[in-house]
Amino acid sequence: MISLFAYVYQRTTFEIACEIALGPFDDNKRLEKFDVVFAQLYLDAYSA
């Protein structure tokens, strides 16, 4: 299960970073914060 989550984490954070760089969102800072929260969920799951 961790490997699936790792894939989803990597793919999601990569896509978010790409989109933030393009700047199409109304609130890039909010999306950046979402990405950090998502990363923490990954780290918490990995540590469990």
N, C-alpha and C. Protein backbone atom coordinates (compact mmCIF):
# COMPACT_ATOMS: atom_id res chain seq x y z
N MET A 1 0.83 -1.20 0.00
CA MET A 1 0.00 0.00 0.00
C MET A 1 0.87 1.26 0.00
N ILE A 2 2.01 1.21 0.71
CA ILE A 2 2.89 2.38 0.75
C ILE A 2 3.38 2.72 -0.65
N SER A 3 3.67 1.69 -1.46
CA SER A 3 4.17 1.98 -2.80
C SER A 3 3.13 2.71 -3.64
N LEU A 4 1.87 2.36 -3.50
CA LEU A 4 0.81 3.07 -4.22
C LEU A 4 0.73 4.51 -3.73
N PHE A 5 0.76 4.69 -2.42
CA PHE A 5 0.69 6.04 -1.88
C PHE A 5 1.91 6.85 -2.32
N ALA A 6 3.08 6.20 -2.35
CA ALA A 6 4.30 6.89 -2.78
C ALA A 6 4.16 7.36 -4.23
N TYR A 7 3.59 6.52 -5.07
CA TYR A 7 3.37 6.90 -6.47
C TYR A 7 2.40 8.08 -6.56
N VAL A 8 1.29 7.98 -5.85
CA VAL A 8 0.29 9.06 -5.88
C VAL A 8 0.90 10.35 -5.33
N TYR A 9 1.66 10.23 -4.26
CA TYR A 9 2.32 11.40 -3.67
C TYR A 9 3.27 12.04 -4.69
N GLN A 10 4.13 11.24 -5.28
CA GLN A 10 5.12 11.78 -6.23
C GLN A 10 4.42 12.42 -7.43
N ARG A 11 3.46 11.74 -7.95
CA ARG A 11 2.75 12.25 -9.14
C ARG A 11 1.99 13.54 -8.81
N THR A 12 1.30 13.55 -7.69
CA THR A 12 0.50 14.71 -7.30
C THR A 12 1.39 15.92 -7.02
N THR A 13 2.43 15.74 -6.24
CA THR A 13 3.29 16.87 -5.92
C THR A 13 4.01 17.40 -7.16
N PHE A 14 4.40 16.50 -8.06
CA PHE A 14 5.04 16.94 -9.30
C PHE A 14 4.09 17.78 -10.14
N GLU A 15 2.87 17.30 -10.31
CA GLU A 15 1.88 18.03 -11.12
C GLU A 15 1.51 19.37 -10.48
N ILE A 16 1.38 19.39 -9.18
CA ILE A 16 1.06 20.64 -8.48
C ILE A 16 2.20 21.64 -8.67
N ALA A 17 3.44 21.18 -8.50
CA ALA A 17 4.59 22.07 -8.68
C ALA A 17 4.63 22.64 -10.10
N CYS A 18 4.35 21.82 -11.08
CA CYS A 18 4.32 22.29 -12.47
C CYS A 18 3.25 23.35 -12.67
N GLU A 19 2.09 23.09 -12.14
CA GLU A 19 0.98 24.04 -12.32
C GLU A 19 1.21 25.33 -11.55
N ILE A 20 1.78 25.24 -10.36
CA ILE A 20 2.10 26.45 -9.60
C ILE A 20 3.08 27.31 -10.38
N ALA A 21 4.07 26.66 -11.00
CA ALA A 21 5.06 27.40 -11.80
C ALA A 21 4.40 28.14 -12.96
N LEU A 22 3.35 27.56 -13.52
CA LEU A 22 2.64 28.21 -14.62
C LEU A 22 1.74 29.34 -14.11
N GLY A 23 1.32 29.24 -12.85
CA GLY A 23 0.54 30.30 -12.22
C GLY A 23 -0.91 30.44 -12.64
N PRO A 24 -1.60 29.33 -13.01
CA PRO A 24 -2.97 29.49 -13.46
C PRO A 24 -4.01 29.57 -12.34
N PHE A 25 -3.59 29.36 -11.11
CA PHE A 25 -4.56 29.30 -10.02
C PHE A 25 -4.83 30.68 -9.43
N ASP A 26 -6.02 30.83 -8.90
CA ASP A 26 -6.38 32.09 -8.25
C ASP A 26 -5.55 32.32 -6.99
N ASP A 27 -5.16 31.23 -6.34
CA ASP A 27 -4.44 31.33 -5.08
C ASP A 27 -3.30 30.30 -5.05
N ASN A 28 -2.19 30.63 -5.67
CA ASN A 28 -1.06 29.71 -5.72
C ASN A 28 -0.52 29.38 -4.33
N LYS A 29 -0.53 30.34 -3.43
CA LYS A 29 -0.03 30.09 -2.07
C LYS A 29 -0.88 29.03 -1.36
N ARG A 30 -2.18 29.09 -1.57
CA ARG A 30 -3.07 28.11 -0.95
C ARG A 30 -2.77 26.71 -1.49
N LEU A 31 -2.57 26.61 -2.78
CA LEU A 31 -2.26 25.32 -3.38
C LEU A 31 -0.90 24.81 -2.91
N GLU A 32 0.03 25.72 -2.74
CA GLU A 32 1.34 25.34 -2.22
C GLU A 32 1.21 24.77 -0.80
N LYS A 33 0.34 25.40 0.00
CA LYS A 33 0.11 24.91 1.36
C LYS A 33 -0.53 23.52 1.32
N PHE A 34 -1.48 23.32 0.41
CA PHE A 34 -2.09 22.01 0.22
C PHE A 34 -1.02 20.96 -0.07
N ASP A 35 -0.08 21.31 -0.91
CA ASP A 35 0.99 20.39 -1.28
C ASP A 35 1.83 20.00 -0.07
N VAL A 36 2.11 20.97 0.79
CA VAL A 36 2.89 20.69 2.00
C VAL A 36 2.10 19.78 2.94
N VAL A 37 0.81 20.04 3.09
CA VAL A 37 -0.03 19.20 3.95
C VAL A 37 -0.08 17.77 3.39
N PHE A 38 -0.22 17.67 2.07
CA PHE A 38 -0.24 16.36 1.43
C PHE A 38 1.08 15.62 1.67
N ALA A 39 2.18 16.34 1.57
CA ALA A 39 3.49 15.74 1.82
C ALA A 39 3.58 15.22 3.25
N GLN A 40 3.05 15.97 4.20
CA GLN A 40 3.08 15.53 5.60
C GLN A 40 2.26 14.26 5.80
N LEU A 41 1.15 14.14 5.09
CA LEU A 41 0.36 12.91 5.17
C LEU A 41 1.19 11.72 4.69
N TYR A 42 1.94 11.93 3.63
CA TYR A 42 2.82 10.88 3.12
C TYR A 42 3.85 10.49 4.16
N LEU A 43 4.51 11.47 4.72
CA LEU A 43 5.56 11.20 5.71
C LEU A 43 4.98 10.50 6.95
N ASP A 44 3.80 10.91 7.36
CA ASP A 44 3.17 10.28 8.51
C ASP A 44 2.83 8.81 8.20
N ALA A 45 2.30 8.56 7.01
CA ALA A 45 1.95 7.19 6.63
C ALA A 45 3.21 6.33 6.50
N TYR A 46 4.26 6.90 5.97
CA TYR A 46 5.52 6.16 5.81
C TYR A 46 6.12 5.79 7.16
N SER A 47 5.97 6.68 8.12
CA SER A 47 6.53 6.47 9.46
C SER A 47 5.73 5.47 10.29
N ALA A 48 4.47 5.28 9.93
CA ALA A 48 3.59 4.41 10.73
C ALA A 48 3.91 2.93 10.58
